[in-house]
C-alpha cells in the first residue's frame, strides 16, 4: 500500500483531553503531526466517526496545545483525528516540538508550506 501522507508523524506518548459533544474524554496520544493525531479510543462501543471536537494537551513548561479536530477514522482501539484549526500559540508550540523530533528543517518548512496550501484550497 502506498503511503500518501503529506505530513510526517512523530511518535508522541502523552495524555490528552478530547472534548466531543460537550463530553470530556481522557485519551493517550500515540503520534502527532501538524495535520492531526492518532489517539486511544476513549469509549468502547461508542462511535465518534465524523464528529468534531477539541484535543488539548500540555507540553513541557506548561505550553498548552489545543487543536480543533474531526474524527476521520476509528478502530476498536484508536481514533484518527484531522486538525481543522489551531491558534497561533498552539501552532508555534507544536511546530517547535516537531522540529526538535524531525531534526530536518527543510522537511518542516515543506510541511508548513503544504499546511498553508491545504487550508486555502
PDB file of N, CA and C in Angstrom:
ATOM      1  N   UNK A   1       0.840  -1.183   0.000  1.00  0.00           N
ATOM      2  CA  UNK A   1       0.000   0.000   0.000  1.00  0.00           C
ATOM      3  C   UNK A   1       0.885   1.246   0.000  1.00  0.00           C
ATOM      4  N   UNK A   2       0.569   2.190  -0.819  1.00  0.00           N
ATOM      5  CA  UNK A   2       1.341   3.417  -0.947  1.00  0.00           C
ATOM      6  C   UNK A   2       1.040   4.371   0.207  1.00  0.00           C
ATOM      7  N   UNK A   3       2.099   4.963   0.755  1.00  0.00           N
ATOM      8  CA  UNK A   3       1.933   5.939   1.828  1.00  0.00           C
ATOM      9  C   UNK A   3       1.650   7.300   1.201  1.00  0.00           C
ATOM     10  N   UNK A   4       0.449   7.827   1.406  1.00  0.00           N
ATOM     11  CA  UNK A   4       0.057   9.104   0.810  1.00  0.00           C
ATOM     12  C   UNK A   4       0.116  10.249   1.809  1.00  0.00           C
ATOM     13  N   UNK A   5       0.721  10.033   2.945  1.00  0.00           N
ATOM     14  CA  UNK A   5       0.782  11.079   3.962  1.00  0.00           C
ATOM     15  C   UNK A   5       1.604  12.264   3.481  1.00  0.00           C
ATOM     16  N   UNK A   6       1.090  13.459   3.712  1.00  0.00           N
ATOM     17  CA  UNK A   6       1.795  14.679   3.363  1.00  0.00           C
ATOM     18  C   UNK A   6       2.512  15.263   4.570  1.00  0.00           C
ATOM     19  N   UNK A   7       2.203  14.762   5.750  1.00  0.00           N
ATOM     20  CA  UNK A   7       2.766  15.295   6.978  1.00  0.00           C
ATOM     21  C   UNK A   7       3.434  14.173   7.763  1.00  0.00           C
ATOM     22  N   UNK A   8       4.652  14.423   8.216  1.00  0.00           N
ATOM     23  CA  UNK A   8       5.397  13.432   8.971  1.00  0.00           C
ATOM     24  C   UNK A   8       4.807  13.299  10.368  1.00  0.00           C
ATOM     25  N   UNK A   9       4.517  12.069  10.740  1.00  0.00           N
ATOM     26  CA  UNK A   9       4.036  11.806  12.091  1.00  0.00           C
ATOM     27  C   UNK A   9       5.231  11.497  12.969  1.00  0.00           C
ATOM     28  N   UNK A  10       5.187  12.002  14.179  1.00  0.00           N
ATOM     29  CA  UNK A  10       6.221  11.650  15.141  1.00  0.00           C
ATOM     30  C   UNK A  10       5.559  10.877  16.275  1.00  0.00           C
ATOM     31  N   UNK A  11       6.251   9.863  16.758  1.00  0.00           N
ATOM     32  CA  UNK A  11       5.740   9.118  17.899  1.00  0.00           C
ATOM     33  C   UNK A  11       5.736  10.046  19.095  1.00  0.00           C
ATOM     34  N   UNK A  12       4.651  10.049  19.810  1.00  0.00           N
ATOM     35  CA  UNK A  12       4.486  11.010  20.886  1.00  0.00           C
ATOM     36  C   UNK A  12       3.508  10.412  21.882  1.00  0.00           C
ATOM     37  N   UNK A  13       3.977  10.061  23.046  1.00  0.00           N
ATOM     38  CA  UNK A  13       3.121   9.439  24.056  1.00  0.00           C
ATOM     39  C   UNK A  13       2.868  10.440  25.172  1.00  0.00           C
ATOM     40  N   UNK A  14       1.638  10.920  25.234  1.00  0.00           N
ATOM     41  CA  UNK A  14       1.255  11.877  26.276  1.00  0.00           C
ATOM     42  C   UNK A  14      -0.258  11.776  26.482  1.00  0.00           C
ATOM     43  N   UNK A  15      -0.691  12.034  27.691  1.00  0.00           N
ATOM     44  CA  UNK A  15      -2.121  12.068  27.970  1.00  0.00           C
ATOM     45  C   UNK A  15      -2.708  13.372  27.469  1.00  0.00           C
ATOM     46  N   UNK A  16      -3.952  13.301  27.033  1.00  0.00           N
ATOM     47  CA  UNK A  16      -4.625  14.476  26.488  1.00  0.00           C
ATOM     48  C   UNK A  16      -6.104  14.404  26.839  1.00  0.00           C
ATOM     49  N   UNK A  17      -6.792  15.475  26.508  1.00  0.00           N
ATOM     50  CA  UNK A  17      -8.222  15.553  26.736  1.00  0.00           C
ATOM     51  C   UNK A  17      -8.904  15.773  25.389  1.00  0.00           C
ATOM     52  N   UNK A  18      -9.892  14.968  25.100  1.00  0.00           N
ATOM     53  CA  UNK A  18     -10.671  15.094  23.875  1.00  0.00           C
ATOM     54  C   UNK A  18     -12.091  15.463  24.265  1.00  0.00           C
ATOM     55  N   UNK A  19     -12.576  16.575  23.741  1.00  0.00           N
ATOM     56  CA  UNK A  19     -13.942  17.013  24.037  1.00  0.00           C
ATOM     57  C   UNK A  19     -14.770  16.858  22.767  1.00  0.00           C
ATOM     58  N   UNK A  20     -15.798  16.018  22.852  1.00  0.00           N
ATOM     59  CA  UNK A  20     -16.731  15.796  21.742  1.00  0.00           C
ATOM     60  C   UNK A  20     -18.135  15.816  22.313  1.00  0.00           C
ATOM     61  N   UNK A  21     -19.013  16.576  21.673  1.00  0.00           N
ATOM     62  CA  UNK A  21     -20.406  16.690  22.122  1.00  0.00           C
ATOM     63  C   UNK A  21     -20.492  17.054  23.605  1.00  0.00           C
ATOM     64  N   UNK A  22     -19.678  18.016  24.019  1.00  0.00           N
ATOM     65  CA  UNK A  22     -19.647  18.508  25.396  1.00  0.00           C
ATOM     66  C   UNK A  22     -19.266  17.454  26.432  1.00  0.00           C
ATOM     67  N   UNK A  23     -18.709  16.340  25.996  1.00  0.00           N
ATOM     68  CA  UNK A  23     -18.210  15.298  26.904  1.00  0.00           C
ATOM     69  C   UNK A  23     -16.689  15.311  26.878  1.00  0.00           C
ATOM     70  N   UNK A  24     -16.071  15.210  28.041  1.00  0.00           N
ATOM     71  CA  UNK A  24     -14.609  15.163  28.154  1.00  0.00           C
ATOM     72  C   UNK A  24     -14.161  13.711  28.282  1.00  0.00           C
ATOM     73  N   UNK A  25     -13.177  13.365  27.465  1.00  0.00           N
ATOM     74  CA  UNK A  25     -12.612  12.017  27.493  1.00  0.00           C
ATOM     75  C   UNK A  25     -11.106  12.124  27.687  1.00  0.00           C
ATOM     76  N   UNK A  26     -10.561  11.291  28.545  1.00  0.00           N
ATOM     77  CA  UNK A  26      -9.115  11.208  28.681  1.00  0.00           C
ATOM     78  C   UNK A  26      -8.616  10.223  27.639  1.00  0.00           C
ATOM     79  N   UNK A  27      -7.640  10.652  26.835  1.00  0.00           N
ATOM     80  CA  UNK A  27      -7.064   9.810  25.788  1.00  0.00           C
ATOM     81  C   UNK A  27      -5.549   9.881  25.885  1.00  0.00           C
ATOM     82  N   UNK A  28      -4.900   8.966  25.208  1.00  0.00           N
ATOM     83  CA  UNK A  28      -3.438   8.993  25.086  1.00  0.00           C
ATOM     84  C   UNK A  28      -3.110   9.246  23.622  1.00  0.00           C
ATOM     85  N   UNK A  29      -2.232  10.201  23.378  1.00  0.00           N
ATOM     86  CA  UNK A  29      -1.782  10.460  22.012  1.00  0.00           C
ATOM     87  C   UNK A  29      -0.714   9.420  21.679  1.00  0.00           C
ATOM     88  N   UNK A  30      -0.846   8.794  20.516  1.00  0.00           N
ATOM     89  CA  UNK A  30       0.138   7.802  20.066  1.00  0.00           C
ATOM     90  C   UNK A  30       1.146   8.431  19.115  1.00  0.00           C
ATOM     91  N   UNK A  31       0.646   9.254  18.196  1.00  0.00           N
ATOM     92  CA  UNK A  31       1.530  10.023  17.328  1.00  0.00           C
ATOM     93  C   UNK A  31       0.812  11.292  16.902  1.00  0.00           C
ATOM     94  N   UNK A  32       1.610  12.238  16.378  1.00  0.00           N
ATOM     95  CA  UNK A  32       1.057  13.548  16.073  1.00  0.00           C
ATOM     96  C   UNK A  32       1.788  14.136  14.885  1.00  0.00           C
ATOM     97  N   UNK A  33       1.093  15.003  14.150  1.00  0.00           N
ATOM     98  CA  UNK A  33       1.685  15.751  13.041  1.00  0.00           C
ATOM     99  C   UNK A  33       1.073  17.146  13.058  1.00  0.00           C
ATOM    100  N   UNK A  34       1.497  17.965  12.126  1.00  0.00           N
ATOM    101  CA  UNK A  34       0.901  19.295  12.024  1.00  0.00           C
ATOM    102  C   UNK A  34      -0.553  19.227  11.572  1.00  0.00           C
ATOM    103  N   UNK A  35      -0.943  18.089  11.026  1.00  0.00           N
ATOM    104  CA  UNK A  35      -2.285  17.966  10.466  1.00  0.00           C
ATOM    105  C   UNK A  35      -3.205  17.039  11.257  1.00  0.00           C
ATOM    106  N   UNK A  36      -2.754  16.525  12.405  1.00  0.00           N
ATOM    107  CA  UNK A  36      -3.638  15.672  13.173  1.00  0.00           C
ATOM    108  C   UNK A  36      -2.913  14.790  14.164  1.00  0.00           C
ATOM    109  N   UNK A  37      -3.652  13.833  14.704  1.00  0.00           N
ATOM    110  CA  UNK A  37      -3.099  12.955  15.732  1.00  0.00           C
ATOM    111  C   UNK A  37      -3.814  11.612  15.712  1.00  0.00           C
ATOM    112  N   UNK A  38      -3.116  10.616  16.232  1.00  0.00           N
ATOM    113  CA  UNK A  38      -3.701   9.305  16.460  1.00  0.00           C
ATOM    114  C   UNK A  38      -3.772   9.130  17.967  1.00  0.00           C
ATOM    115  N   UNK A  39      -4.983   8.868  18.481  1.00  0.00           N
ATOM    116  CA  UNK A  39      -5.180   8.778  19.930  1.00  0.00           C
ATOM    117  C   UNK A  39      -5.897   7.485  20.281  1.00  0.00           C
ATOM    118  N   UNK A  40      -5.814   7.124  21.562  1.00  0.00           N
ATOM    119  CA  UNK A  40      -6.543   5.951  22.037  1.00  0.00           C
ATOM    120  C   UNK A  40      -8.044   6.217  21.949  1.00  0.00           C
ATOM    121  N   UNK A  41      -8.812   5.166  21.696  1.00  0.00           N
ATOM    122  CA  UNK A  41     -10.279   5.286  21.636  1.00  0.00           C
ATOM    123  C   UNK A  41     -10.786   5.432  23.066  1.00  0.00           C
ATOM    124  N   UNK A  42     -11.505   6.515  23.362  1.00  0.00           N
ATOM    125  CA  UNK A  42     -11.872   6.788  24.760  1.00  0.00           C
ATOM    126  C   UNK A  42     -13.051   5.996  25.305  1.00  0.00           C
ATOM    127  N   UNK A  43     -13.845   5.399  24.427  1.00  0.00           N
ATOM    128  CA  UNK A  43     -15.090   4.818  24.924  1.00  0.00           C
ATOM    129  C   UNK A  43     -15.498   3.648  24.035  1.00  0.00           C
ATOM    130  N   UNK A  44     -15.307   2.442  24.529  1.00  0.00           N
ATOM    131  CA  UNK A  44     -15.635   1.263  23.730  1.00  0.00           C
ATOM    132  C   UNK A  44     -17.132   1.206  23.461  1.00  0.00           C
ATOM    133  N   UNK A  45     -17.464   0.904  22.227  1.00  0.00           N
ATOM    134  CA  UNK A  45     -18.866   0.769  21.861  1.00  0.00           C
ATOM    135  C   UNK A  45     -19.463   2.025  21.253  1.00  0.00           C
ATOM    136  N   UNK A  46     -18.945   3.202  21.588  1.00  0.00           N
ATOM    137  CA  UNK A  46     -19.460   4.442  21.014  1.00  0.00           C
ATOM    138  C   UNK A  46     -18.682   4.782  19.749  1.00  0.00           C
ATOM    139  N   UNK A  47     -19.377   5.254  18.743  1.00  0.00           N
ATOM    140  CA  UNK A  47     -18.721   5.666  17.504  1.00  0.00           C
ATOM    141  C   UNK A  47     -18.548   7.179  17.495  1.00  0.00           C
ATOM    142  N   UNK A  48     -17.356   7.612  17.108  1.00  0.00           N
ATOM    143  CA  UNK A  48     -17.057   9.035  17.030  1.00  0.00           C
ATOM    144  C   UNK A  48     -16.797   9.483  15.597  1.00  0.00           C
ATOM    145  N   UNK A  49     -16.960   8.597  14.637  1.00  0.00           N
ATOM    146  CA  UNK A  49     -16.611   8.903  13.262  1.00  0.00           C
ATOM    147  C   UNK A  49     -17.367  10.137  12.765  1.00  0.00           C
ATOM    148  N   UNK A  50     -16.630  11.035  12.137  1.00  0.00           N
ATOM    149  CA  UNK A  50     -17.128  12.291  11.547  1.00  0.00           C
ATOM    150  C   UNK A  50     -17.593  13.318  12.567  1.00  0.00           C
ATOM    151  N   UNK A  51     -17.332  13.080  13.843  1.00  0.00           N
ATOM    152  CA  UNK A  51     -17.676  14.077  14.857  1.00  0.00           C
ATOM    153  C   UNK A  51     -16.531  15.078  14.978  1.00  0.00           C
ATOM    154  N   UNK A  52     -16.851  16.261  15.440  1.00  0.00           N
ATOM    155  CA  UNK A  52     -15.824  17.287  15.636  1.00  0.00           C
ATOM    156  C   UNK A  52     -15.667  17.554  17.120  1.00  0.00           C
ATOM    157  N   UNK A  53     -14.485  18.049  17.481  1.00  0.00           N
ATOM    158  CA  UNK A  53     -14.218  18.319  18.877  1.00  0.00           C
ATOM    159  C   UNK A  53     -12.913  19.061  19.050  1.00  0.00           C
ATOM    160  N   UNK A  54     -12.393  18.998  20.261  1.00  0.00           N
ATOM    161  CA  UNK A  54     -11.161  19.690  20.609  1.00  0.00           C
ATOM    162  C   UNK A  54     -10.241  18.725  21.340  1.00  0.00           C
ATOM    163  N   UNK A  55      -8.978  18.692  20.902  1.00  0.00           N
ATOM    164  CA  UNK A  55      -7.938  17.899  21.558  1.00  0.00           C
ATOM    165  C   UNK A  55      -6.988  18.870  22.234  1.00  0.00           C
ATOM    166  N   UNK A  56      -6.770  18.701  23.547  1.00  0.00           N
ATOM    167  CA  UNK A  56      -5.847  19.579  24.272  1.00  0.00           C
ATOM    168  C   UNK A  56      -4.851  18.747  25.056  1.00  0.00           C
ATOM    169  N   UNK A  57      -3.616  19.263  25.129  1.00  0.00           N
ATOM    170  CA  UNK A  57      -2.567  18.623  25.917  1.00  0.00           C
ATOM    171  C   UNK A  57      -1.517  19.653  26.257  1.00  0.00           C
ATOM    172  N   UNK A  58      -0.720  19.331  27.266  1.00  0.00           N
ATOM    173  CA  UNK A  58       0.330  20.243  27.710  1.00  0.00           C
ATOM    174  C   UNK A  58       1.693  19.657  27.442  1.00  0.00           C
ATOM    175  N   UNK A  59       2.583  20.514  26.945  1.00  0.00           N
ATOM    176  CA  UNK A  59       3.976  20.152  26.729  1.00  0.00           C
ATOM    177  C   UNK A  59       4.779  20.594  27.941  1.00  0.00           C
ATOM    178  N   UNK A  60       6.069  20.389  27.886  1.00  0.00           N
ATOM    179  CA  UNK A  60       6.958  20.843  28.957  1.00  0.00           C
ATOM    180  C   UNK A  60       6.803  22.353  29.123  1.00  0.00           C
ATOM    181  N   UNK A  61       7.016  22.840  30.310  1.00  0.00           N
ATOM    182  CA  UNK A  61       6.899  24.269  30.637  1.00  0.00           C
ATOM    183  C   UNK A  61       5.470  24.784  30.495  1.00  0.00           C
ATOM    184  N   UNK A  62       4.486  23.899  30.684  1.00  0.00           N
ATOM    185  CA  UNK A  62       3.072  24.276  30.653  1.00  0.00           C
ATOM    186  C   UNK A  62       2.632  24.912  29.342  1.00  0.00           C
ATOM    187  N   UNK A  63       3.290  24.565  28.238  1.00  0.00           N
ATOM    188  CA  UNK A  63       2.862  25.048  26.926  1.00  0.00           C
ATOM    189  C   UNK A  63       1.660  24.211  26.506  1.00  0.00           C
ATOM    190  N   UNK A  64       0.531  24.870  26.335  1.00  0.00           N
ATOM    191  CA  UNK A  64      -0.720  24.172  26.035  1.00  0.00           C
ATOM    192  C   UNK A  64      -0.979  24.192  24.536  1.00  0.00           C
ATOM    193  N   UNK A  65      -1.329  23.035  24.011  1.00  0.00           N
ATOM    194  CA  UNK A  65      -1.689  22.907  22.599  1.00  0.00           C
ATOM    195  C   UNK A  65      -3.166  22.540  22.530  1.00  0.00           C
ATOM    196  N   UNK A  66      -3.895  23.260  21.704  1.00  0.00           N
ATOM    197  CA  UNK A  66      -5.318  22.995  21.506  1.00  0.00           C
ATOM    198  C   UNK A  66      -5.588  22.898  20.011  1.00  0.00           C
ATOM    199  N   UNK A  67      -6.090  21.755  19.586  1.00  0.00           N
ATOM    200  CA  UNK A  67      -6.423  21.516  18.183  1.00  0.00           C
ATOM    201  C   UNK A  67      -7.929  21.311  18.056  1.00  0.00           C
ATOM    202  N   UNK A  68      -8.526  21.976  17.097  1.00  0.00           N
ATOM    203  CA  UNK A  68      -9.916  21.697  16.755  1.00  0.00           C
ATOM    204  C   UNK A  68      -9.853  20.583  15.713  1.00  0.00           C
ATOM    205  N   UNK A  69     -10.489  19.458  16.024  1.00  0.00           N
ATOM    206  CA  UNK A  69     -10.290  18.246  15.238  1.00  0.00           C
ATOM    207  C   UNK A  69     -11.600  17.649  14.734  1.00  0.00           C
ATOM    208  N   UNK A  70     -11.453  16.797  13.722  1.00  0.00           N
ATOM    209  CA  UNK A  70     -12.548  15.962  13.237  1.00  0.00           C
ATOM    210  C   UNK A  70     -12.058  14.520  13.284  1.00  0.00           C
ATOM    211  N   UNK A  71     -12.923  13.620  13.695  1.00  0.00           N
ATOM    212  CA  UNK A  71     -12.576  12.201  13.727  1.00  0.00           C
ATOM    213  C   UNK A  71     -12.731  11.660  12.302  1.00  0.00           C
ATOM    214  N   UNK A  72     -11.605  11.246  11.718  1.00  0.00           N
ATOM    215  CA  UNK A  72     -11.600  10.790  10.331  1.00  0.00           C
ATOM    216  C   UNK A  72     -11.713   9.275  10.205  1.00  0.00           C
ATOM    217  N   UNK A  73     -11.157   8.561  11.158  1.00  0.00           N
ATOM    218  CA  UNK A  73     -11.292   7.102  11.155  1.00  0.00           C
ATOM    219  C   UNK A  73     -11.173   6.598  12.581  1.00  0.00           C
ATOM    220  N   UNK A  74     -11.720   5.424  12.785  1.00  0.00           N
ATOM    221  CA  UNK A  74     -11.642   4.820  14.106  1.00  0.00           C
ATOM    222  C   UNK A  74     -11.509   3.310  13.973  1.00  0.00           C
ATOM    223  N   UNK A  75     -10.871   2.754  14.965  1.00  0.00           N
ATOM    224  CA  UNK A  75     -10.793   1.302  15.103  1.00  0.00           C
ATOM    225  C   UNK A  75     -11.242   0.986  16.517  1.00  0.00           C
ATOM    226  N   UNK A  76     -11.150  -0.249  16.875  1.00  0.00           N
ATOM    227  CA  UNK A  76     -11.554  -0.653  18.220  1.00  0.00           C
ATOM    228  C   UNK A  76     -10.734   0.072  19.288  1.00  0.00           C
ATOM    229  N   UNK A  77      -9.456   0.365  18.973  1.00  0.00           N
ATOM    230  CA  UNK A  77      -8.553   0.929  19.977  1.00  0.00           C
ATOM    231  C   UNK A  77      -8.113   2.361  19.732  1.00  0.00           C
ATOM    232  N   UNK A  78      -8.327   2.894  18.528  1.00  0.00           N
ATOM    233  CA  UNK A  78      -7.758   4.208  18.201  1.00  0.00           C
ATOM    234  C   UNK A  78      -8.716   5.080  17.392  1.00  0.00           C
ATOM    235  N   UNK A  79      -8.489   6.394  17.511  1.00  0.00           N
ATOM    236  CA  UNK A  79      -9.177   7.381  16.683  1.00  0.00           C
ATOM    237  C   UNK A  79      -8.134   8.148  15.890  1.00  0.00           C
ATOM    238  N   UNK A  80      -8.395   8.342  14.610  1.00  0.00           N
ATOM    239  CA  UNK A  80      -7.545   9.183  13.782  1.00  0.00           C
ATOM    240  C   UNK A  80      -8.177  10.546  13.655  1.00  0.00           C
ATOM    241  N   UNK A  81      -7.473  11.579  14.116  1.00  0.00           N
ATOM    242  CA  UNK A  81      -8.014  12.933  14.147  1.00  0.00           C
ATOM    243  C   UNK A  81      -7.326  13.814  13.112  1.00  0.00           C
ATOM    244  N   UNK A  82      -8.109  14.612  12.400  1.00  0.00           N
ATOM    245  CA  UNK A  82      -7.558  15.615  11.482  1.00  0.00           C
ATOM    246  C   UNK A  82      -7.711  16.981  12.137  1.00  0.00           C
ATOM    247  N   UNK A  83      -6.659  17.750  12.111  1.00  0.00           N
ATOM    248  CA  UNK A  83      -6.700  19.098  12.674  1.00  0.00           C
ATOM    249  C   UNK A  83      -7.404  20.033  11.694  1.00  0.00           C
ATOM    250  N   UNK A  84      -8.476  20.671  12.149  1.00  0.00           N
ATOM    251  CA  UNK A  84      -9.199  21.640  11.334  1.00  0.00           C
ATOM    252  C   UNK A  84      -8.724  23.064  11.583  1.00  0.00           C
ATOM    253  N   UNK A  85      -8.278  23.348  12.803  1.00  0.00           N
ATOM    254  CA  UNK A  85      -7.835  24.695  13.157  1.00  0.00           C
ATOM    255  C   UNK A  85      -7.011  24.633  14.431  1.00  0.00           C
ATOM    256  N   UNK A  86      -6.138  25.651  14.565  1.00  0.00           N
ATOM    257  CA  UNK A  86      -5.279  25.749  15.743  1.00  0.00           C
ATOM    258  C   UNK A  86      -4.896  27.219  15.908  1.00  0.00           C
ATOM    259  N   UNK A  87      -4.868  27.709  17.145  1.00  0.00           N
ATOM    260  CA  UNK A  87      -4.446  29.091  17.361  1.00  0.00           C
ATOM    261  C   UNK A  87      -2.934  29.206  17.149  1.00  0.00           C
ATOM    262  N   UNK A  88      -2.452  30.407  17.003  1.00  0.00           N
ATOM    263  CA  UNK A  88      -1.050  30.634  16.657  1.00  0.00           C
ATOM    264  C   UNK A  88      -0.094  30.145  17.745  1.00  0.00           C
ATOM    265  N   UNK A  89      -0.467  30.294  19.003  1.00  0.00           N
ATOM    266  CA  UNK A  89       0.394  29.808  20.085  1.00  0.00           C
ATOM    267  C   UNK A  89       0.507  28.286  20.053  1.00  0.00           C
ATOM    268  N   UNK A  90      -0.619  27.612  19.874  1.00  0.00           N
ATOM    269  CA  UNK A  90      -0.601  26.150  19.793  1.00  0.00           C
ATOM    270  C   UNK A  90       0.233  25.691  18.606  1.00  0.00           C
ATOM    271  N   UNK A  91       0.064  26.361  17.466  1.00  0.00           N
ATOM    272  CA  UNK A  91       0.838  26.017  16.271  1.00  0.00           C
ATOM    273  C   UNK A  91       2.329  26.196  16.531  1.00  0.00           C
ATOM    274  N   UNK A  92       2.713  27.264  17.196  1.00  0.00           N
ATOM    275  CA  UNK A  92       4.124  27.518  17.497  1.00  0.00           C
ATOM    276  C   UNK A  92       4.703  26.442  18.410  1.00  0.00           C
ATOM    277  N   UNK A  93       3.964  26.073  19.444  1.00  0.00           N
ATOM    278  CA  UNK A  93       4.431  25.032  20.364  1.00  0.00           C
ATOM    279  C   UNK A  93       4.576  23.690  19.649  1.00  0.00           C
ATOM    280  N   UNK A  94       3.566  23.339  18.855  1.00  0.00           N
ATOM    281  CA  UNK A  94       3.602  22.064  18.144  1.00  0.00           C
ATOM    282  C   UNK A  94       4.706  22.067  17.089  1.00  0.00           C
ATOM    283  N   UNK A  95       4.868  23.164  16.407  1.00  0.00           N
ATOM    284  CA  UNK A  95       5.915  23.279  15.386  1.00  0.00           C
ATOM    285  C   UNK A  95       7.299  23.067  16.012  1.00  0.00           C
ATOM    286  N   UNK A  96       7.525  23.706  17.154  1.00  0.00           N
ATOM    287  CA  UNK A  96       8.817  23.575  17.817  1.00  0.00           C
ATOM    288  C   UNK A  96       9.073  22.127  18.245  1.00  0.00           C
ATOM    289  N   UNK A  97       8.042  21.468  18.772  1.00  0.00           N
ATOM    290  CA  UNK A  97       8.188  20.083  19.189  1.00  0.00           C
ATOM    291  C   UNK A  97       8.487  19.180  17.986  1.00  0.00           C
ATOM    292  N   UNK A  98       7.793  19.366  16.899  1.00  0.00           N
ATOM    293  CA  UNK A  98       8.018  18.559  15.697  1.00  0.00           C
ATOM    294  C   UNK A  98       9.397  18.845  15.113  1.00  0.00           C
ATOM    295  N   UNK A  99       9.793  20.100  15.119  1.00  0.00           N
ATOM    296  CA  UNK A  99      11.102  20.479  14.610  1.00  0.00           C
ATOM    297  C   UNK A  99      12.216  19.762  15.378  1.00  0.00           C
ATOM    298  N   UNK A 100      12.093  19.699  16.689  1.00  0.00           N
ATOM    299  CA  UNK A 100      13.089  19.020  17.510  1.00  0.00           C
ATOM    300  C   UNK A 100      13.130  17.521  17.226  1.00  0.00           C
ATOM    301  N   UNK A 101      11.972  16.938  16.961  1.00  0.00           N
ATOM    302  CA  UNK A 101      11.905  15.499  16.709  1.00  0.00           C
ATOM    303  C   UNK A 101      12.280  15.121  15.281  1.00  0.00           C
ATOM    304  N   UNK A 102      12.003  15.984  14.312  1.00  0.00           N
ATOM    305  CA  UNK A 102      12.342  15.685  12.923  1.00  0.00           C
ATOM    306  C   UNK A 102      13.837  15.807  12.675  1.00  0.00           C
ATOM    307  N   UNK A 103      14.441  16.842  13.248  1.00  0.00           N
ATOM    308  CA  UNK A 103      15.858  17.074  13.003  1.00  0.00           C
ATOM    309  C   UNK A 103      16.143  17.476  11.575  1.00  0.00           C
ATOM    310  N   UNK A 104      15.138  17.915  10.825  1.00  0.00           N
ATOM    311  CA  UNK A 104      15.291  18.274   9.417  1.00  0.00           C
ATOM    312  C   UNK A 104      14.471  19.529   9.137  1.00  0.00           C
ATOM    313  N   UNK A 105      15.137  20.678   9.160  1.00  0.00           N
ATOM    314  CA  UNK A 105      14.430  21.943   8.949  1.00  0.00           C
ATOM    315  C   UNK A 105      13.734  22.008   7.598  1.00  0.00           C
ATOM    316  N   UNK A 106      14.356  21.456   6.559  1.00  0.00           N
ATOM    317  CA  UNK A 106      13.764  21.534   5.223  1.00  0.00           C
ATOM    318  C   UNK A 106      12.447  20.760   5.169  1.00  0.00           C
ATOM    319  N   UNK A 107      12.384  19.606   5.837  1.00  0.00           N
ATOM    320  CA  UNK A 107      11.145  18.829   5.866  1.00  0.00           C
ATOM    321  C   UNK A 107      10.055  19.595   6.610  1.00  0.00           C
ATOM    322  N   UNK A 108      10.398  20.232   7.712  1.00  0.00           N
ATOM    323  CA  UNK A 108       9.419  21.006   8.472  1.00  0.00           C
ATOM    324  C   UNK A 108       8.878  22.160   7.635  1.00  0.00           C
ATOM    325  N   UNK A 109       9.737  22.892   6.950  1.00  0.00           N
ATOM    326  CA  UNK A 109       9.291  24.021   6.129  1.00  0.00           C
ATOM    327  C   UNK A 109       8.406  23.549   4.968  1.00  0.00           C
ATOM    328  N   UNK A 110       8.737  22.401   4.413  1.00  0.00           N
ATOM    329  CA  UNK A 110       7.911  21.821   3.348  1.00  0.00           C
ATOM    330  C   UNK A 110       6.513  21.519   3.881  1.00  0.00           C
ATOM    331  N   UNK A 111       6.443  20.946   5.074  1.00  0.00           N
ATOM    332  CA  UNK A 111       5.154  20.595   5.662  1.00  0.00           C
ATOM    333  C   UNK A 111       4.352  21.833   6.052  1.00  0.00           C
ATOM    334  N   UNK A 112       5.021  22.850   6.560  1.00  0.00           N
ATOM    335  CA  UNK A 112       4.314  24.101   6.882  1.00  0.00           C
ATOM    336  C   UNK A 112       3.742  24.725   5.620  1.00  0.00           C
ATOM    337  N   UNK A 113       4.510  24.680   4.538  1.00  0.00           N
ATOM    338  CA  UNK A 113       4.043  25.205   3.261  1.00  0.00           C
ATOM    339  C   UNK A 113       2.836  24.407   2.773  1.00  0.00           C
ATOM    340  N   UNK A 114       2.903  23.101   2.900  1.00  0.00           N
ATOM    341  CA  UNK A 114       1.796  22.232   2.490  1.00  0.00           C
ATOM    342  C   UNK A 114       0.565  22.513   3.336  1.00  0.00           C
ATOM    343  N   UNK A 115       0.743  22.724   4.623  1.00  0.00           N
ATOM    344  CA  UNK A 115      -0.372  23.018   5.515  1.00  0.00           C
ATOM    345  C   UNK A 115      -1.072  24.296   5.081  1.00  0.00           C
ATOM    346  N   UNK A 116      -0.324  25.295   4.700  1.00  0.00           N
ATOM    347  CA  UNK A 116      -0.893  26.563   4.220  1.00  0.00           C
ATOM    348  C   UNK A 116      -1.689  26.335   2.953  1.00  0.00           C
ATOM    349  N   UNK A 117      -1.165  25.531   2.031  1.00  0.00           N
ATOM    350  CA  UNK A 117      -1.891  25.249   0.792  1.00  0.00           C
ATOM    351  C   UNK A 117      -3.155  24.454   1.053  1.00  0.00           C
ATOM    352  N   UNK A 118      -3.111  23.505   1.973  1.00  0.00           N
ATOM    353  CA  UNK A 118      -4.284  22.686   2.286  1.00  0.00           C
ATOM    354  C   UNK A 118      -5.377  23.572   2.858  1.00  0.00           C
ATOM    355  N   UNK A 119      -5.029  24.515   3.739  1.00  0.00           N
ATOM    356  CA  UNK A 119      -6.031  25.375   4.372  1.00  0.00           C
ATOM    357  C   UNK A 119      -6.718  26.302   3.379  1.00  0.00           C
ATOM    358  N   UNK A 120      -6.053  26.673   2.288  1.00  0.00           N
ATOM    359  CA  UNK A 120      -6.617  27.639   1.346  1.00  0.00           C
ATOM    360  C   UNK A 120      -7.282  26.995   0.143  1.00  0.00           C
ATOM    361  N   UNK A 121      -7.332  25.673   0.098  1.00  0.00           N
ATOM    362  CA  UNK A 121      -7.955  25.014  -1.059  1.00  0.00           C
ATOM    363  C   UNK A 121      -9.444  24.984  -0.914  1.00  0.00           C
TER     364      UNK A 121
END
